[in-house]
Amino acid sequence: LGGEEFCFVRPGVDAVGARRLAEAI
């Protein structure tokens, strides 16, 4: 998005799956 800022979007995941993905990143 600019500078040192990024965006990651994943469709089809709930909050549990989102936390798992964020931790993997």
PDB file of all heavy atoms in Angstrom:
ATOM      1  N   LEU A   1       0.811  -1.210   0.000  1.00  0.00           N
ATOM      2  CA  LEU A   1       0.000   0.000   0.000  1.00  0.00           C
ATOM      3  C   LEU A   1       0.846   1.262   0.000  1.00  0.00           C
ATOM      4  O   LEU A   1       0.354   2.343  -0.313  1.00  0.00           O
ATOM      5  CB  LEU A   1      -0.942   0.004   1.210  1.00  0.00           C
ATOM      6  CG  LEU A   1      -1.909  -1.185   1.283  1.00  0.00           C
ATOM      7  CD1 LEU A   1      -2.839  -1.019   2.475  1.00  0.00           C
ATOM      8  CD2 LEU A   1      -2.703  -1.331   0.003  1.00  0.00           C
ATOM      9  N   GLY A   2       2.119   1.123   0.332  1.00  0.00           N
ATOM     10  CA  GLY A   2       3.005   2.272   0.382  1.00  0.00           C
ATOM     11  C   GLY A   2       3.977   2.144   1.536  1.00  0.00           C
ATOM     12  O   GLY A   2       3.632   1.577   2.580  1.00  0.00           O
ATOM     13  N   GLY A   3       5.200   2.661   1.364  1.00  0.00           N
ATOM     14  CA  GLY A   3       6.182   2.578   2.434  1.00  0.00           C
ATOM     15  C   GLY A   3       6.404   1.143   2.854  1.00  0.00           C
ATOM     16  O   GLY A   3       6.646   0.261   2.033  1.00  0.00           O
ATOM     17  N   GLU A   4       6.290   0.903   4.168  1.00  0.00           N
ATOM     18  CA  GLU A   4       6.480  -0.453   4.693  1.00  0.00           C
ATOM     19  C   GLU A   4       5.153  -1.107   5.038  1.00  0.00           C
ATOM     20  O   GLU A   4       5.098  -2.052   5.836  1.00  0.00           O
ATOM     21  CB  GLU A   4       7.385  -0.412   5.935  1.00  0.00           C
ATOM     22  CG  GLU A   4       6.812   0.314   7.139  1.00  0.00           C
ATOM     23  CD  GLU A   4       7.154   1.810   7.157  1.00  0.00           C
ATOM     24  OE1 GLU A   4       7.328   2.402   6.073  1.00  0.00           O
ATOM     25  OE2 GLU A   4       7.249   2.375   8.260  1.00  0.00           O
ATOM     26  N   GLU A   5       4.061  -0.640   4.441  1.00  0.00           N
ATOM     27  CA  GLU A   5       2.725  -1.128   4.769  1.00  0.00           C
ATOM     28  C   GLU A   5       2.201  -2.032   3.653  1.00  0.00           C
ATOM     29  O   GLU A   5       2.264  -1.700   2.468  1.00  0.00           O
ATOM     30  CB  GLU A   5       1.780   0.048   4.968  1.00  0.00           C
ATOM     31  CG  GLU A   5       0.454  -0.344   5.589  1.00  0.00           C
ATOM     32  CD  GLU A   5      -0.361   0.865   5.972  1.00  0.00           C
ATOM     33  OE1 GLU A   5      -0.727   1.637   5.061  1.00  0.00           O
ATOM     34  OE2 GLU A   5      -0.622   1.051   7.180  1.00  0.00           O
ATOM     35  N   PHE A   6       1.651  -3.193   4.053  1.00  0.00           N
ATOM     36  CA  PHE A   6       1.137  -4.178   3.104  1.00  0.00           C
ATOM     37  C   PHE A   6      -0.297  -4.535   3.472  1.00  0.00           C
ATOM     38  O   PHE A   6      -0.751  -4.283   4.593  1.00  0.00           O
ATOM     39  CB  PHE A   6       1.996  -5.454   3.129  1.00  0.00           C
ATOM     40  CG  PHE A   6       3.415  -5.257   2.710  1.00  0.00           C
ATOM     41  CD1 PHE A   6       4.369  -4.807   3.623  1.00  0.00           C
ATOM     42  CD2 PHE A   6       3.814  -5.512   1.402  1.00  0.00           C
ATOM     43  CE1 PHE A   6       5.691  -4.615   3.244  1.00  0.00           C
ATOM     44  CE2 PHE A   6       5.134  -5.334   1.022  1.00  0.00           C
ATOM     45  CZ  PHE A   6       6.069  -4.880   1.932  1.00  0.00           C
ATOM     46  N   CYS A   7      -0.969  -5.160   2.513  1.00  0.00           N
ATOM     47  CA  CYS A   7      -2.336  -5.617   2.714  1.00  0.00           C
ATOM     48  C   CYS A   7      -2.420  -7.067   2.247  1.00  0.00           C
ATOM     49  O   CYS A   7      -1.846  -7.430   1.217  1.00  0.00           O
ATOM     50  CB  CYS A   7      -3.305  -4.729   1.919  1.00  0.00           C
ATOM     51  SG  CYS A   7      -5.022  -5.278   1.933  1.00  0.00           S
ATOM     52  N   PHE A   8      -3.126  -7.901   3.013  1.00  0.00           N
ATOM     53  CA  PHE A   8      -3.313  -9.306   2.651  1.00  0.00           C
ATOM     54  C   PHE A   8      -4.795  -9.626   2.874  1.00  0.00           C
ATOM     55  O   PHE A   8      -5.306  -9.476   3.975  1.00  0.00           O
ATOM     56  CB  PHE A   8      -2.439 -10.197   3.539  1.00  0.00           C
ATOM     57  CG  PHE A   8      -2.226 -11.598   3.010  1.00  0.00           C
ATOM     58  CD1 PHE A   8      -0.954 -12.068   2.749  1.00  0.00           C
ATOM     59  CD2 PHE A   8      -3.297 -12.455   2.783  1.00  0.00           C
ATOM     60  CE1 PHE A   8      -0.737 -13.356   2.256  1.00  0.00           C
ATOM     61  CE2 PHE A   8      -3.098 -13.737   2.297  1.00  0.00           C
ATOM     62  CZ  PHE A   8      -1.812 -14.191   2.038  1.00  0.00           C
ATOM     63  N   VAL A   9      -5.472 -10.076   1.820  1.00  0.00           N
ATOM     64  CA  VAL A   9      -6.904 -10.389   1.919  1.00  0.00           C
ATOM     65  C   VAL A   9      -7.111 -11.834   1.478  1.00  0.00           C
ATOM     66  O   VAL A   9      -6.618 -12.239   0.426  1.00  0.00           O
ATOM     67  CB  VAL A   9      -7.757  -9.456   1.038  1.00  0.00           C
ATOM     68  CG1 VAL A   9      -9.253  -9.745   1.248  1.00  0.00           C
ATOM     69  CG2 VAL A   9      -7.449  -7.992   1.331  1.00  0.00           C
ATOM     70  N   ARG A  10      -7.851 -12.589   2.303  1.00  0.00           N
ATOM     71  CA  ARG A  10      -8.200 -13.961   1.941  1.00  0.00           C
ATOM     72  C   ARG A  10      -9.703 -14.151   2.066  1.00  0.00           C
ATOM     73  O   ARG A  10     -10.259 -14.011   3.163  1.00  0.00           O
ATOM     74  CB  ARG A  10      -7.471 -14.979   2.794  1.00  0.00           C
ATOM     75  CG  ARG A  10      -7.930 -16.432   2.499  1.00  0.00           C
ATOM     76  CD  ARG A  10      -7.004 -17.455   3.103  1.00  0.00           C
ATOM     77  NE  ARG A  10      -5.695 -17.440   2.471  1.00  0.00           N
ATOM     78  CZ  ARG A  10      -4.666 -18.226   2.819  1.00  0.00           C
ATOM     79  NH1 ARG A  10      -4.825 -19.088   3.818  1.00  0.00           N
ATOM     80  NH2 ARG A  10      -3.510 -18.152   2.189  1.00  0.00           N
ATOM     81  N   PRO A  11     -10.371 -14.484   0.963  1.00  0.00           N
ATOM     82  CA  PRO A  11     -11.809 -14.754   1.033  1.00  0.00           C
ATOM     83  C   PRO A  11     -12.087 -16.152   1.571  1.00  0.00           C
ATOM     84  O   PRO A  11     -11.248 -17.051   1.497  1.00  0.00           O
ATOM     85  CB  PRO A  11     -12.247 -14.646  -0.439  1.00  0.00           C
ATOM     86  CG  PRO A  11     -11.030 -15.001  -1.220  1.00  0.00           C
ATOM     87  CD  PRO A  11      -9.849 -14.526  -0.411  1.00  0.00           C
ATOM     88  N   GLY A  12     -13.276 -16.312   2.161  1.00  0.00           N
ATOM     89  CA  GLY A  12     -13.726 -17.642   2.561  1.00  0.00           C
ATOM     90  C   GLY A  12     -13.213 -18.144   3.894  1.00  0.00           C
ATOM     91  O   GLY A  12     -13.362 -19.334   4.187  1.00  0.00           O
ATOM     92  N   VAL A  13     -12.576 -17.277   4.716  1.00  0.00           N
ATOM     93  CA  VAL A  13     -12.091 -17.717   6.024  1.00  0.00           C
ATOM     94  C   VAL A  13     -12.840 -16.980   7.129  1.00  0.00           C
ATOM     95  O   VAL A  13     -13.206 -15.812   6.985  1.00  0.00           O
ATOM     96  CB  VAL A  13     -10.572 -17.480   6.189  1.00  0.00           C
ATOM     97  CG1 VAL A  13      -9.791 -18.351   5.238  1.00  0.00           C
ATOM     98  CG2 VAL A  13     -10.206 -16.016   6.028  1.00  0.00           C
ATOM     99  N   ASP A  14     -13.080 -17.697   8.226  1.00  0.00           N
ATOM    100  CA  ASP A  14     -13.691 -17.057   9.392  1.00  0.00           C
ATOM    101  C   ASP A  14     -12.599 -16.498  10.293  1.00  0.00           C
ATOM    102  O   ASP A  14     -11.402 -16.515   9.929  1.00  0.00           O
ATOM    103  CB  ASP A  14     -14.575 -18.045  10.150  1.00  0.00           C
ATOM    104  CG  ASP A  14     -13.810 -19.296  10.600  1.00  0.00           C
ATOM    105  OD1 ASP A  14     -12.553 -19.279  10.569  1.00  0.00           O
ATOM    106  OD2 ASP A  14     -14.466 -20.292  10.976  1.00  0.00           O
ATOM    107  N   ALA A  15     -12.962 -16.016  11.472  1.00  0.00           N
ATOM    108  CA  ALA A  15     -11.994 -15.376  12.362  1.00  0.00           C
ATOM    109  C   ALA A  15     -10.911 -16.357  12.812  1.00  0.00           C
ATOM    110  O   ALA A  15      -9.741 -15.984  12.955  1.00  0.00           O
ATOM    111  CB  ALA A  15     -12.707 -14.780  13.571  1.00  0.00           C
ATOM    112  N   VAL A  16     -11.285 -17.623  13.006  1.00  0.00           N
ATOM    113  CA  VAL A  16     -10.299 -18.617  13.422  1.00  0.00           C
ATOM    114  C   VAL A  16      -9.273 -18.833  12.313  1.00  0.00           C
ATOM    115  O   VAL A  16      -8.053 -18.861  12.539  1.00  0.00           O
ATOM    116  CB  VAL A  16     -10.980 -19.943  13.795  1.00  0.00           C
ATOM    117  CG1 VAL A  16      -9.946 -21.030  14.083  1.00  0.00           C
ATOM    118  CG2 VAL A  16     -11.900 -19.742  14.996  1.00  0.00           C
ATOM    119  N   GLY A  17      -9.755 -18.990  11.116  1.00  0.00           N
ATOM    120  CA  GLY A  17      -8.848 -19.178   9.984  1.00  0.00           C
ATOM    121  C   GLY A  17      -7.991 -17.937   9.735  1.00  0.00           C
ATOM    122  O   GLY A  17      -6.818 -18.039   9.356  1.00  0.00           O
ATOM    123  N   ALA A  18      -8.579 -16.755   9.965  1.00  0.00           N
ATOM    124  CA  ALA A  18      -7.832 -15.518   9.776  1.00  0.00           C
ATOM    125  C   ALA A  18      -6.695 -15.407  10.776  1.00  0.00           C
ATOM    126  O   ALA A  18      -5.576 -14.996  10.436  1.00  0.00           O
ATOM    127  CB  ALA A  18      -8.771 -14.319   9.904  1.00  0.00           C
ATOM    128  N   ARG A  19      -6.968 -15.799  12.029  1.00  0.00           N
ATOM    129  CA  ARG A  19      -5.900 -15.736  13.042  1.00  0.00           C
ATOM    130  C   ARG A  19      -4.790 -16.732  12.704  1.00  0.00           C
ATOM    131  O   ARG A  19      -3.607 -16.432  12.875  1.00  0.00           O
ATOM    132  CB  ARG A  19      -6.472 -16.017  14.429  1.00  0.00           C
ATOM    133  CG  ARG A  19      -5.429 -15.908  15.544  1.00  0.00           C
ATOM    134  CD  ARG A  19      -6.058 -16.023  16.905  1.00  0.00           C
ATOM    135  NE  ARG A  19      -6.929 -14.917  17.223  1.00  0.00           N
ATOM    136  CZ  ARG A  19      -6.511 -13.727  17.673  1.00  0.00           C
ATOM    137  NH1 ARG A  19      -5.209 -13.508  17.833  1.00  0.00           N
ATOM    138  NH2 ARG A  19      -7.372 -12.787  17.933  1.00  0.00           N
ATOM    139  N   ARG A  20      -5.165 -17.899  12.233  1.00  0.00           N
ATOM    140  CA  ARG A  20      -4.168 -18.901  11.862  1.00  0.00           C
ATOM    141  C   ARG A  20      -3.287 -18.381  10.718  1.00  0.00           C
ATOM    142  O   ARG A  20      -2.065 -18.533  10.732  1.00  0.00           O
ATOM    143  CB  ARG A  20      -4.875 -20.191  11.445  1.00  0.00           C
ATOM    144  CG  ARG A  20      -3.926 -21.366  11.226  1.00  0.00           C
ATOM    145  CD  ARG A  20      -4.687 -22.626  10.824  1.00  0.00           C
ATOM    146  NE  ARG A  20      -5.635 -23.019  11.856  1.00  0.00           N
ATOM    147  CZ  ARG A  20      -6.957 -23.063  11.688  1.00  0.00           C
ATOM    148  NH1 ARG A  20      -7.499 -22.752  10.522  1.00  0.00           N
ATOM    149  NH2 ARG A  20      -7.743 -23.441  12.678  1.00  0.00           N
ATOM    150  N   LEU A  21      -3.909 -17.737   9.708  1.00  0.00           N
ATOM    151  CA  LEU A  21      -3.148 -17.187   8.587  1.00  0.00           C
ATOM    152  C   LEU A  21      -2.248 -16.046   9.048  1.00  0.00           C
ATOM    153  O   LEU A  21      -1.064 -15.986   8.669  1.00  0.00           O
ATOM    154  CB  LEU A  21      -4.108 -16.682   7.501  1.00  0.00           C
ATOM    155  CG  LEU A  21      -3.479 -15.908   6.339  1.00  0.00           C
ATOM    156  CD1 LEU A  21      -2.484 -16.779   5.574  1.00  0.00           C
ATOM    157  CD2 LEU A  21      -4.568 -15.371   5.403  1.00  0.00           C
ATOM    158  N   ALA A  22      -2.772 -15.160   9.873  1.00  0.00           N
ATOM    159  CA  ALA A  22      -1.975 -14.031  10.359  1.00  0.00           C
ATOM    160  C   ALA A  22      -0.757 -14.521  11.145  1.00  0.00           C
ATOM    161  O   ALA A  22       0.349 -13.977  11.005  1.00  0.00           O
ATOM    162  CB  ALA A  22      -2.841 -13.108  11.218  1.00  0.00           C
ATOM    163  N   GLU A  23      -0.937 -15.548  11.940  1.00  0.00           N
ATOM    164  CA  GLU A  23       0.185 -16.088  12.709  1.00  0.00           C
ATOM    165  C   GLU A  23       1.215 -16.729  11.783  1.00  0.00           C
ATOM    166  O   GLU A  23       2.436 -16.610  12.018  1.00  0.00           O
ATOM    167  CB  GLU A  23      -0.325 -17.107  13.729  1.00  0.00           C
ATOM    168  CG  GLU A  23       0.769 -17.789  14.544  1.00  0.00           C
ATOM    169  CD  GLU A  23       1.672 -16.813  15.287  1.00  0.00           C
ATOM    170  OE1 GLU A  23       1.202 -15.720  15.657  1.00  0.00           O
ATOM    171  OE2 GLU A  23       2.874 -17.152  15.482  1.00  0.00           O
ATOM    172  N   ALA A  24       0.759 -17.395  10.731  1.00  0.00           N
ATOM    173  CA  ALA A  24       1.696 -17.989   9.776  1.00  0.00           C
ATOM    174  C   ALA A  24       2.523 -16.907   9.089  1.00  0.00           C
ATOM    175  O   ALA A  24       3.730 -17.069   8.880  1.00  0.00           O
ATOM    176  CB  ALA A  24       0.928 -18.810   8.732  1.00  0.00           C
ATOM    177  N   ILE A  25       1.892 -15.794   8.773  1.00  0.00           N
ATOM    178  CA  ILE A  25       2.613 -14.679   8.144  1.00  0.00           C
ATOM    179  C   ILE A  25       3.605 -14.074   9.127  1.00  0.00           C
ATOM    180  O   ILE A  25       4.774 -13.836   8.795  1.00  0.00           O
ATOM    181  CB  ILE A  25       1.614 -13.621   7.642  1.00  0.00           C
ATOM    182  CG1 ILE A  25       0.777 -14.172   6.485  1.00  0.00           C
ATOM    183  CG2 ILE A  25       2.345 -12.352   7.215  1.00  0.00           C
ATOM    184  CD1 ILE A  25      -0.377 -13.268   6.073  1.00  0.00           C
TER     185      ILE A  25
END
